[in-house]
N, C-alpha and C. Protein backbone atom coordinates (compact mmCIF):
# COMPACT_ATOMS: atom_id res chain seq x y z
N GLN A 1 10.82 18.46 -0.30
CA GLN A 1 11.09 17.01 -0.65
C GLN A 1 9.89 16.40 -0.53
N VAL A 2 9.16 15.93 -1.25
CA VAL A 2 7.98 14.54 -1.30
C VAL A 2 8.96 13.18 -1.14
N GLN A 3 8.56 12.38 0.35
CA GLN A 3 9.06 11.06 0.25
C GLN A 3 8.47 10.75 0.97
N LEU A 4 7.98 9.38 0.70
CA LEU A 4 7.23 8.05 1.61
C LEU A 4 8.43 7.09 2.04
N VAL A 5 8.21 6.43 3.20
CA VAL A 5 8.97 5.56 3.82
C VAL A 5 8.42 4.57 4.35
N GLU A 6 8.32 2.83 3.70
CA GLU A 6 7.63 2.26 4.04
C GLU A 6 8.47 1.41 5.00
N SER A 7 7.55 0.50 5.94
CA SER A 7 8.31 0.11 6.96
C SER A 7 7.11 -1.52 7.59
N GLY A 8 7.64 -2.24 7.96
CA GLY A 8 7.16 -3.35 8.97
C GLY A 8 7.23 -4.51 7.88
N GLY A 9 7.45 -4.98 6.99
CA GLY A 9 7.69 -5.63 6.57
C GLY A 9 8.74 -6.90 7.28
N GLY A 10 8.59 -8.24 6.84
CA GLY A 10 9.19 -9.02 7.50
C GLY A 10 8.87 -10.56 7.46
N LEU A 11 9.25 -11.72 7.61
CA LEU A 11 9.30 -12.79 8.06
C LEU A 11 8.14 -13.36 8.43
N VAL A 12 7.43 -14.09 7.87
CA VAL A 12 5.73 -14.40 8.58
C VAL A 12 5.34 -15.73 8.39
N GLN A 13 4.42 -16.97 9.34
CA GLN A 13 4.30 -17.89 8.29
C GLN A 13 2.61 -17.74 8.11
N PRO A 14 2.72 -18.39 7.72
CA PRO A 14 0.81 -19.06 6.50
C PRO A 14 0.35 -18.47 7.50
N GLY A 15 -0.79 -17.38 7.53
CA GLY A 15 -2.08 -17.67 8.18
C GLY A 15 -1.93 -16.36 9.39
N GLY A 16 -0.37 -15.48 9.30
CA GLY A 16 -0.05 -14.99 9.89
C GLY A 16 -0.50 -13.50 9.75
N SER A 17 -0.05 -12.44 10.41
CA SER A 17 -0.13 -11.05 10.07
C SER A 17 0.81 -10.02 9.80
N LEU A 18 0.55 -8.91 9.39
CA LEU A 18 1.82 -8.02 9.06
C LEU A 18 0.94 -6.53 8.90
N ARG A 19 1.39 -5.33 9.78
CA ARG A 19 1.09 -4.02 9.22
C ARG A 19 2.22 -3.28 8.70
N LEU A 20 2.14 -3.23 7.52
CA LEU A 20 2.66 -2.11 6.88
C LEU A 20 2.48 -0.47 6.96
N SER A 21 3.54 0.02 7.27
CA SER A 21 3.58 1.63 7.04
C SER A 21 4.08 2.30 6.42
N CYS A 22 3.57 3.56 6.02
CA CYS A 22 3.67 4.48 4.99
C CYS A 22 3.90 5.98 5.31
N ALA A 23 5.00 6.15 5.70
CA ALA A 23 5.01 7.38 5.97
C ALA A 23 5.43 8.62 5.31
N ALA A 24 5.03 9.88 5.57
CA ALA A 24 5.20 10.63 4.16
C ALA A 24 5.94 11.90 5.07
N SER A 25 6.62 12.64 4.42
CA SER A 25 7.38 13.76 5.04
C SER A 25 7.70 14.58 3.54
N GLY A 26 7.50 16.05 3.78
CA GLY A 26 7.42 17.02 3.03
C GLY A 26 6.73 17.88 1.94
N PHE A 27 5.07 17.04 2.67
CA PHE A 27 3.96 17.47 2.50
C PHE A 27 2.65 16.28 3.37
N ALA A 28 1.49 17.07 2.80
CA ALA A 28 0.38 16.37 3.95
C ALA A 28 -0.32 15.42 2.79
N LEU A 29 0.44 13.98 3.32
CA LEU A 29 -0.45 13.07 3.16
C LEU A 29 -1.91 12.83 2.57
N ASP A 30 -2.80 13.65 3.91
CA ASP A 30 -4.25 13.30 3.72
C ASP A 30 -4.91 14.34 2.57
N SER A 31 -4.01 14.73 1.75
CA SER A 31 -4.53 15.88 0.47
C SER A 31 -4.69 15.11 -0.81
N TYR A 32 -3.74 13.45 -0.73
CA TYR A 32 -3.63 12.93 -1.63
C TYR A 32 -4.10 11.34 -1.72
N ALA A 33 -4.38 10.64 -2.85
CA ALA A 33 -5.23 9.32 -2.84
C ALA A 33 -3.90 8.63 -2.35
N VAL A 34 -3.96 7.12 -2.02
CA VAL A 34 -2.61 6.92 -1.77
C VAL A 34 -2.82 5.11 -2.05
N GLY A 35 -1.95 4.43 -2.67
CA GLY A 35 -2.05 3.00 -3.40
C GLY A 35 -0.78 2.15 -2.38
N TRP A 36 -1.12 1.06 -2.52
CA TRP A 36 -0.18 -0.06 -2.03
C TRP A 36 0.03 -0.93 -3.19
N PHE A 37 0.88 -1.48 -3.53
CA PHE A 37 1.41 -2.21 -4.54
C PHE A 37 2.18 -3.26 -4.23
N ARG A 38 2.96 -4.20 -5.08
CA ARG A 38 3.67 -4.98 -4.76
C ARG A 38 4.37 -5.71 -5.75
N GLN A 39 5.47 -6.52 -5.83
CA GLN A 39 5.90 -6.97 -7.07
C GLN A 39 7.09 -8.00 -6.47
N VAL A 40 7.49 -9.36 -7.82
CA VAL A 40 7.78 -10.08 -7.04
C VAL A 40 9.48 -10.06 -8.14
N PRO A 41 10.09 -10.97 -8.09
CA PRO A 41 11.44 -10.44 -9.70
C PRO A 41 10.18 -11.16 -10.88
N GLY A 42 10.80 -10.50 -11.59
CA GLY A 42 10.52 -11.14 -12.80
C GLY A 42 8.82 -10.85 -13.07
N LYS A 43 7.93 -10.07 -12.17
CA LYS A 43 6.55 -9.93 -12.68
C LYS A 43 6.32 -8.47 -12.70
N GLU A 44 5.10 -7.90 -13.15
CA GLU A 44 4.85 -6.45 -13.22
C GLU A 44 4.91 -6.28 -11.62
N ARG A 45 4.60 -4.97 -11.28
CA ARG A 45 4.35 -4.41 -10.10
C ARG A 45 2.42 -4.45 -10.08
N GLU A 46 1.92 -5.11 -9.42
CA GLU A 46 0.58 -5.06 -9.25
C GLU A 46 -0.48 -4.03 -8.25
N GLY A 47 -1.28 -3.57 -8.50
CA GLY A 47 -1.96 -2.70 -7.66
C GLY A 47 -2.68 -3.95 -6.34
N VAL A 48 -2.95 -3.19 -4.86
CA VAL A 48 -3.30 -4.05 -3.59
C VAL A 48 -4.48 -3.25 -3.55
N SER A 49 -4.11 -2.00 -2.85
CA SER A 49 -5.45 -1.16 -2.32
C SER A 49 -4.73 -0.24 -2.39
N CYS A 50 -6.19 0.80 -2.28
CA CYS A 50 -5.93 2.18 -2.00
C CYS A 50 -7.46 2.66 -1.69
N ILE A 51 -6.76 4.23 -1.11
CA ILE A 51 -7.90 5.23 -0.36
C ILE A 51 -7.58 6.01 -0.55
N SER A 52 -9.07 6.24 -0.53
CA SER A 52 -8.91 8.23 -1.66
C SER A 52 -8.74 9.16 -0.54
N SER A 53 -8.27 10.31 -0.61
CA SER A 53 -8.41 11.64 -0.47
C SER A 53 -9.43 12.06 0.84
N SER A 54 -10.22 12.20 0.25
CA SER A 54 -11.11 12.72 0.92
C SER A 54 -11.86 12.18 1.89
N ASN A 55 -12.86 11.27 1.48
CA ASN A 55 -13.25 10.45 2.21
C ASN A 55 -13.07 9.05 3.19
N GLY A 56 -11.88 8.96 2.34
CA GLY A 56 -11.27 7.42 3.41
C GLY A 56 -11.68 6.06 2.37
N ARG A 57 -12.66 6.19 1.35
CA ARG A 57 -13.21 4.88 0.76
C ARG A 57 -12.01 4.37 0.34
N THR A 58 -12.12 3.13 0.30
CA THR A 58 -10.91 1.80 -0.26
C THR A 58 -11.21 1.08 -1.36
N TYR A 59 -10.43 0.74 -1.66
CA TYR A 59 -10.78 -0.83 -2.62
C TYR A 59 -9.34 -1.53 -2.36
N HIS A 60 -9.97 -2.45 -2.93
CA HIS A 60 -9.01 -3.52 -2.77
C HIS A 60 -8.76 -4.97 -3.84
N ALA A 61 -8.08 -5.28 -4.54
CA ALA A 61 -8.01 -6.42 -5.51
C ALA A 61 -8.58 -7.26 -4.82
N GLY A 62 -9.52 -8.08 -6.04
CA GLY A 62 -9.75 -9.11 -5.76
C GLY A 62 -9.28 -10.19 -5.13
N SER A 63 -7.48 -10.73 -5.04
CA SER A 63 -6.90 -11.32 -4.49
C SER A 63 -6.44 -11.27 -3.14
N VAL A 64 -7.00 -9.79 -2.24
CA VAL A 64 -6.48 -9.62 -1.00
C VAL A 64 -7.97 -8.90 -0.49
N LYS A 65 -8.99 -8.94 -1.02
CA LYS A 65 -10.11 -8.58 -0.18
C LYS A 65 -10.64 -9.52 1.20
N GLY A 66 -10.93 -8.45 1.93
CA GLY A 66 -11.37 -9.73 3.01
C GLY A 66 -10.12 -9.93 3.34
N ARG A 67 -8.73 -9.69 3.58
CA ARG A 67 -7.89 -10.38 4.37
C ARG A 67 -6.95 -9.07 4.66
N PHE A 68 -6.77 -7.92 3.58
CA PHE A 68 -5.98 -6.40 3.67
C PHE A 68 -6.99 -5.66 4.09
N THR A 69 -6.21 -4.44 5.14
CA THR A 69 -7.30 -3.32 5.05
C THR A 69 -6.36 -2.40 4.95
N ILE A 70 -6.85 -0.93 4.22
CA ILE A 70 -6.02 0.14 4.44
C ILE A 70 -6.46 1.21 4.87
N SER A 71 -5.73 1.69 5.74
CA SER A 71 -6.69 3.05 6.40
C SER A 71 -5.10 4.14 6.33
N ARG A 72 -5.80 5.11 7.10
CA ARG A 72 -5.05 6.41 7.12
C ARG A 72 -5.11 7.18 8.61
N ASP A 73 -3.35 7.68 8.95
CA ASP A 73 -3.49 8.28 10.26
C ASP A 73 -3.15 9.66 9.87
N ASN A 74 -4.26 10.39 9.93
CA ASN A 74 -3.72 11.89 9.57
C ASN A 74 -2.92 12.32 10.25
N ALA A 75 -2.98 12.54 11.48
CA ALA A 75 -2.65 13.20 12.36
C ALA A 75 -0.99 12.37 12.48
N GLU A 76 -0.66 11.27 11.73
CA GLU A 76 0.79 10.54 11.83
C GLU A 76 1.32 11.20 10.40
N ASN A 77 0.35 11.46 9.59
CA ASN A 77 0.65 11.44 7.88
C ASN A 77 1.55 10.27 7.77
N THR A 78 0.37 8.85 7.84
CA THR A 78 0.63 7.92 7.39
C THR A 78 -0.06 6.87 7.27
N VAL A 79 -0.22 5.83 6.17
CA VAL A 79 -1.25 5.23 5.64
C VAL A 79 -0.78 3.84 5.84
N TYR A 80 -1.80 3.05 6.41
CA TYR A 80 -1.06 1.61 6.99
C TYR A 80 -2.01 0.51 5.84
N LEU A 81 -1.40 -0.42 5.73
CA LEU A 81 -1.80 -1.81 5.14
C LEU A 81 -1.81 -2.83 6.23
N GLN A 82 -2.88 -3.36 7.05
CA GLN A 82 -2.98 -4.47 7.50
C GLN A 82 -3.49 -5.44 6.76
N MET A 83 -2.35 -6.64 7.02
CA MET A 83 -2.44 -7.85 5.75
C MET A 83 -2.53 -8.93 6.99
N ASN A 84 -3.75 -9.55 6.92
CA ASN A 84 -4.16 -10.74 7.62
C ASN A 84 -4.07 -12.11 7.05
N SER A 85 -4.20 -13.24 7.56
CA SER A 85 -4.44 -14.42 6.61
C SER A 85 -3.27 -14.64 5.63
N LEU A 86 -2.22 -14.51 5.83
CA LEU A 86 -1.07 -13.88 4.88
C LEU A 86 -0.63 -15.46 4.56
N LYS A 87 -1.00 -15.14 2.57
CA LYS A 87 -0.03 -16.68 2.15
C LYS A 87 0.88 -16.69 1.65
N PRO A 88 1.45 -17.32 0.79
CA PRO A 88 2.93 -17.99 0.49
C PRO A 88 2.80 -16.42 -0.74
N GLU A 89 1.93 -16.90 -1.10
CA GLU A 89 1.76 -15.83 -2.44
C GLU A 89 1.92 -14.25 -2.29
N ASP A 90 1.52 -14.03 -0.92
CA ASP A 90 1.44 -12.84 -1.05
C ASP A 90 3.00 -12.17 -0.69
N THR A 91 3.53 -13.04 -0.90
CA THR A 91 5.51 -12.31 -0.97
C THR A 91 5.75 -11.88 -1.94
N ALA A 92 6.17 -10.75 -1.78
CA ALA A 92 6.91 -9.56 -2.62
C ALA A 92 7.41 -8.84 -1.94
N VAL A 93 7.63 -7.54 -2.62
CA VAL A 93 8.40 -5.96 -2.18
C VAL A 93 7.16 -5.58 -2.51
N TYR A 94 6.69 -5.13 -0.84
CA TYR A 94 5.54 -3.62 -0.82
C TYR A 94 6.04 -2.61 -1.21
N TYR A 95 5.15 -1.76 -2.06
CA TYR A 95 5.64 -0.61 -2.27
C TYR A 95 4.17 0.83 -1.88
N CYS A 96 4.35 1.94 -1.26
CA CYS A 96 3.07 2.72 -1.19
C CYS A 96 3.60 3.90 -2.07
N ALA A 97 2.85 4.70 -2.71
CA ALA A 97 2.74 5.61 -3.80
C ALA A 97 1.96 6.37 -3.70
N THR A 98 1.67 8.02 -4.36
CA THR A 98 0.93 8.81 -4.22
C THR A 98 1.20 9.61 -5.32
N GLY A 99 0.30 10.92 -5.37
CA GLY A 99 0.20 12.12 -6.65
C GLY A 99 0.38 11.40 -8.07
N GLY A 100 0.48 12.18 -8.90
CA GLY A 100 0.05 11.85 -10.10
C GLY A 100 -1.17 12.38 -10.29
N TYR A 101 -1.89 11.57 -11.08
CA TYR A 101 -3.35 11.49 -11.57
C TYR A 101 -4.18 10.58 -10.57
N SER A 102 -3.70 10.02 -9.37
CA SER A 102 -4.43 9.29 -8.56
C SER A 102 -5.73 9.81 -8.12
N GLY A 103 -5.44 10.98 -7.52
CA GLY A 103 -6.44 11.25 -7.10
C GLY A 103 -7.91 11.83 -8.02
N THR A 104 -7.55 11.87 -9.03
CA THR A 104 -8.67 11.91 -10.14
C THR A 104 -10.15 10.78 -10.11
N TYR A 105 -9.38 9.78 -9.98
CA TYR A 105 -10.44 8.45 -9.51
C TYR A 105 -11.25 8.29 -8.41
N TYR A 106 -12.44 7.86 -8.62
CA TYR A 106 -13.38 7.64 -7.89
C TYR A 106 -13.47 6.03 -7.08
N PRO A 107 -13.04 5.44 -6.14
CA PRO A 107 -12.98 6.47 -5.08
C PRO A 107 -11.37 6.69 -4.94
N CYS A 108 -10.88 5.90 -5.90
CA CYS A 108 -9.48 5.49 -5.96
C CYS A 108 -8.92 4.47 -7.11
N THR A 109 -7.68 4.94 -7.16
CA THR A 109 -7.25 3.37 -8.57
C THR A 109 -5.70 3.00 -7.85
N ILE A 110 -5.78 1.67 -8.38
CA ILE A 110 -4.59 1.20 -8.27
C ILE A 110 -3.84 0.76 -9.74
N ASP A 111 -3.81 1.05 -10.28
CA ASP A 111 -3.50 1.30 -11.74
C ASP A 111 -1.57 1.95 -11.30
N ARG A 112 -0.89 1.34 -11.33
CA ARG A 112 0.25 1.90 -11.08
C ARG A 112 1.07 3.62 -11.75
N ASP A 113 0.03 3.29 -13.03
CA ASP A 113 0.90 4.26 -14.13
C ASP A 113 0.39 5.34 -13.67
N GLU A 114 -0.77 5.63 -12.89
CA GLU A 114 -1.56 6.95 -12.19
C GLU A 114 -0.52 7.18 -10.91
N TYR A 115 0.35 7.13 -10.70
CA TYR A 115 1.05 7.63 -9.05
C TYR A 115 2.56 8.06 -10.07
N ASP A 116 2.52 9.07 -9.08
CA ASP A 116 3.74 9.77 -9.05
C ASP A 116 4.86 9.42 -8.21
N TYR A 117 5.17 9.40 -7.25
CA TYR A 117 5.83 9.33 -6.17
C TYR A 117 5.97 8.18 -5.42
N TRP A 118 6.36 7.42 -5.02
CA TRP A 118 7.07 5.77 -4.39
C TRP A 118 8.02 5.65 -3.50
N GLY A 119 8.11 5.12 -2.19
CA GLY A 119 8.55 4.83 -1.63
C GLY A 119 9.63 3.77 -1.84
N GLN A 120 10.66 3.26 -1.24
CA GLN A 120 11.84 2.03 -1.48
C GLN A 120 11.16 0.58 -1.50
N GLY A 121 10.05 0.71 -1.14
CA GLY A 121 9.45 -0.78 -0.38
C GLY A 121 9.72 -1.16 0.85
N THR A 122 9.10 -2.35 0.99
CA THR A 122 9.82 -3.59 2.05
C THR A 122 9.01 -4.67 1.56
N GLN A 123 10.38 -5.36 2.18
CA GLN A 123 9.98 -7.08 2.08
C GLN A 123 9.24 -7.62 2.87
N VAL A 124 8.11 -8.44 2.10
CA VAL A 124 7.35 -9.47 2.95
C VAL A 124 7.20 -10.74 2.36
N THR A 125 7.96 -11.53 3.25
CA THR A 125 7.82 -12.71 2.88
C THR A 125 7.03 -14.13 3.56
N VAL A 126 6.40 -14.36 3.43
CA VAL A 126 5.33 -15.45 4.14
C VAL A 126 5.85 -17.12 3.47
N SER A 127 6.25 -17.43 4.91
CA SER A 127 6.74 -18.84 4.87
C SER A 127 6.87 -19.27 5.94
N SER A 128 6.91 -20.90 5.63
CA SER A 128 6.71 -22.08 6.80
C SER A 128 8.19 -22.36 7.26
């Protein structure tokens, strides 16, 4: 059974850092592209970052570029999202996703419609 589990969310002050984890079970995550997305109530889920399956190439949305870094640890079957210099507008539920047609894009895609498998999400709150 394909399963993704996010963790690492929490409350952090503006300017702080968090590292989110996306752990996979039931399949080898290194064979798939992985994306991170976020959603706030009343808004559509938006793509944040992605990492390719083959060579680890990454893409970050403009709103997080230079502050967020996506990486993978194949031995742990886990993808991470390191978030630095956090801002109140980064507050959201963060999801990881994989599968679907996401692997057909180079290097990867943050189009949520191209992903089939999703985790349950982890809440990130940036507030003083």
